[in-house]
N, C-alpha and C. Protein backbone atom coordinates (compact mmCIF):
# COMPACT_ATOMS: atom_id res chain seq x y z
N MET A 1 -18.65 -34.35 0.66
CA MET A 1 -17.27 -34.67 0.98
C MET A 1 -17.19 -35.03 2.46
N SER A 2 -16.41 -36.00 2.77
CA SER A 2 -16.28 -36.41 4.17
C SER A 2 -15.48 -35.38 4.95
N ALA A 3 -15.59 -35.45 6.26
CA ALA A 3 -14.85 -34.52 7.13
C ALA A 3 -13.35 -34.68 6.92
N MET A 4 -12.90 -35.91 6.72
CA MET A 4 -11.48 -36.15 6.51
C MET A 4 -11.02 -35.54 5.18
N GLY A 5 -11.84 -35.70 4.14
CA GLY A 5 -11.49 -35.13 2.84
C GLY A 5 -11.46 -33.62 2.88
N SER A 6 -12.39 -33.03 3.62
CA SER A 6 -12.44 -31.59 3.77
C SER A 6 -11.22 -31.08 4.52
N SER A 7 -10.85 -31.77 5.59
CA SER A 7 -9.67 -31.38 6.37
C SER A 7 -8.40 -31.50 5.53
N LEU A 8 -8.32 -32.56 4.75
CA LEU A 8 -7.15 -32.76 3.89
C LEU A 8 -7.07 -31.64 2.86
N SER A 9 -8.20 -31.32 2.25
CA SER A 9 -8.24 -30.26 1.25
C SER A 9 -7.84 -28.91 1.86
N THR A 10 -8.37 -28.63 3.04
CA THR A 10 -8.03 -27.38 3.72
C THR A 10 -6.54 -27.34 4.06
N GLY A 11 -6.03 -28.46 4.54
CA GLY A 11 -4.60 -28.54 4.87
C GLY A 11 -3.72 -28.36 3.65
N LEU A 12 -4.12 -28.95 2.55
CA LEU A 12 -3.35 -28.81 1.31
C LEU A 12 -3.35 -27.36 0.83
N ARG A 13 -4.52 -26.72 0.88
CA ARG A 13 -4.60 -25.32 0.45
C ARG A 13 -3.73 -24.43 1.34
N ARG A 14 -3.78 -24.69 2.64
CA ARG A 14 -2.97 -23.90 3.57
C ARG A 14 -1.49 -24.12 3.27
N GLY A 15 -1.11 -25.36 3.02
CA GLY A 15 0.28 -25.67 2.70
C GLY A 15 0.74 -25.00 1.42
N VAL A 16 -0.12 -25.00 0.42
CA VAL A 16 0.22 -24.33 -0.85
C VAL A 16 0.38 -22.84 -0.63
N ASN A 17 -0.54 -22.24 0.10
CA ASN A 17 -0.46 -20.80 0.36
C ASN A 17 0.81 -20.44 1.13
N GLU A 18 1.16 -21.26 2.12
CA GLU A 18 2.39 -21.01 2.88
C GLU A 18 3.62 -21.17 1.99
N SER A 19 3.60 -22.15 1.12
CA SER A 19 4.73 -22.37 0.20
C SER A 19 4.90 -21.19 -0.74
N VAL A 20 3.80 -20.71 -1.29
CA VAL A 20 3.85 -19.56 -2.20
C VAL A 20 4.39 -18.34 -1.46
N SER A 21 3.93 -18.15 -0.24
CA SER A 21 4.40 -17.03 0.57
C SER A 21 5.90 -17.13 0.83
N LEU A 22 6.38 -18.33 1.16
CA LEU A 22 7.81 -18.52 1.40
C LEU A 22 8.63 -18.27 0.14
N ILE A 23 8.12 -18.69 -1.00
CA ILE A 23 8.82 -18.46 -2.27
C ILE A 23 8.91 -16.97 -2.55
N ARG A 24 7.83 -16.25 -2.31
CA ARG A 24 7.85 -14.79 -2.53
C ARG A 24 8.84 -14.11 -1.60
N GLU A 25 8.87 -14.53 -0.34
CA GLU A 25 9.82 -13.95 0.61
C GLU A 25 11.26 -14.27 0.20
N ALA A 26 11.50 -15.47 -0.28
CA ALA A 26 12.84 -15.85 -0.73
C ALA A 26 13.26 -15.01 -1.93
N ASP A 27 12.33 -14.75 -2.83
CA ASP A 27 12.63 -13.90 -3.99
C ASP A 27 12.99 -12.49 -3.55
N LYS A 28 12.25 -11.96 -2.56
CA LYS A 28 12.56 -10.62 -2.04
C LYS A 28 13.93 -10.60 -1.39
N ALA A 29 14.24 -11.64 -0.62
CA ALA A 29 15.54 -11.72 0.05
C ALA A 29 16.66 -11.80 -0.97
N ARG A 30 16.45 -12.59 -2.02
CA ARG A 30 17.48 -12.70 -3.07
C ARG A 30 17.70 -11.35 -3.75
N ALA A 31 16.63 -10.62 -4.01
CA ALA A 31 16.75 -9.30 -4.62
C ALA A 31 17.53 -8.36 -3.70
N ASN A 32 17.27 -8.45 -2.39
CA ASN A 32 18.01 -7.61 -1.44
C ASN A 32 19.48 -7.95 -1.43
N VAL A 33 19.80 -9.23 -1.47
CA VAL A 33 21.21 -9.65 -1.50
C VAL A 33 21.87 -9.16 -2.79
N ASP A 34 21.17 -9.28 -3.90
CA ASP A 34 21.70 -8.79 -5.17
C ASP A 34 21.96 -7.28 -5.10
N ASN A 35 21.03 -6.54 -4.52
CA ASN A 35 21.20 -5.09 -4.40
C ASN A 35 22.39 -4.73 -3.52
N VAL A 36 22.56 -5.46 -2.42
CA VAL A 36 23.69 -5.21 -1.54
C VAL A 36 25.00 -5.52 -2.25
N THR A 37 25.02 -6.60 -3.01
CA THR A 37 26.22 -6.98 -3.75
C THR A 37 26.59 -5.89 -4.76
N ILE A 38 25.61 -5.40 -5.48
CA ILE A 38 25.85 -4.33 -6.46
C ILE A 38 26.36 -3.08 -5.74
N PHE A 39 25.71 -2.72 -4.64
CA PHE A 39 26.12 -1.54 -3.88
C PHE A 39 27.55 -1.69 -3.37
N ALA A 40 27.90 -2.86 -2.87
CA ALA A 40 29.25 -3.10 -2.36
C ALA A 40 30.28 -2.96 -3.47
N LYS A 41 29.94 -3.44 -4.66
CA LYS A 41 30.86 -3.30 -5.80
C LYS A 41 31.04 -1.84 -6.17
N LEU A 42 29.95 -1.07 -6.13
CA LEU A 42 30.05 0.36 -6.44
C LEU A 42 30.91 1.09 -5.41
N ILE A 43 30.73 0.76 -4.14
CA ILE A 43 31.54 1.38 -3.08
C ILE A 43 33.01 1.02 -3.27
N LYS A 44 33.28 -0.24 -3.56
CA LYS A 44 34.67 -0.67 -3.76
C LYS A 44 35.30 0.08 -4.93
N LYS A 45 34.55 0.21 -6.01
CA LYS A 45 35.06 0.93 -7.18
C LYS A 45 35.32 2.40 -6.84
N ALA A 46 34.42 3.00 -6.07
CA ALA A 46 34.62 4.40 -5.66
C ALA A 46 35.87 4.53 -4.79
N GLU A 47 36.07 3.58 -3.88
CA GLU A 47 37.27 3.61 -3.04
C GLU A 47 38.54 3.46 -3.89
N GLU A 48 38.49 2.55 -4.86
CA GLU A 48 39.66 2.37 -5.74
C GLU A 48 39.94 3.64 -6.52
N ASN A 49 38.90 4.27 -7.02
CA ASN A 49 39.09 5.52 -7.78
C ASN A 49 39.63 6.63 -6.89
N ALA A 50 39.16 6.68 -5.64
CA ALA A 50 39.66 7.69 -4.71
C ALA A 50 41.14 7.46 -4.41
N GLN A 51 41.52 6.20 -4.21
CA GLN A 51 42.91 5.87 -3.95
C GLN A 51 43.79 6.22 -5.16
N ALA A 52 43.27 5.93 -6.34
CA ALA A 52 44.04 6.19 -7.56
C ALA A 52 44.23 7.68 -7.80
N SER A 53 43.29 8.49 -7.35
CA SER A 53 43.39 9.93 -7.60
C SER A 53 44.25 10.65 -6.58
N MET A 54 44.70 9.95 -5.56
CA MET A 54 45.53 10.60 -4.52
C MET A 54 46.95 10.75 -4.98
């Protein structure tokens, strides 16, 4: 394989690995946002129940 072909292959592999890593991080971030949203809804419901019981 020529030096150019080797460099291209290495660059493509690095790009794929970085893309996969970014996708995984985005999935983790989305899960965190989902968890915060659920938690916020639970807190709001608890506040509503506390207000209703007063």
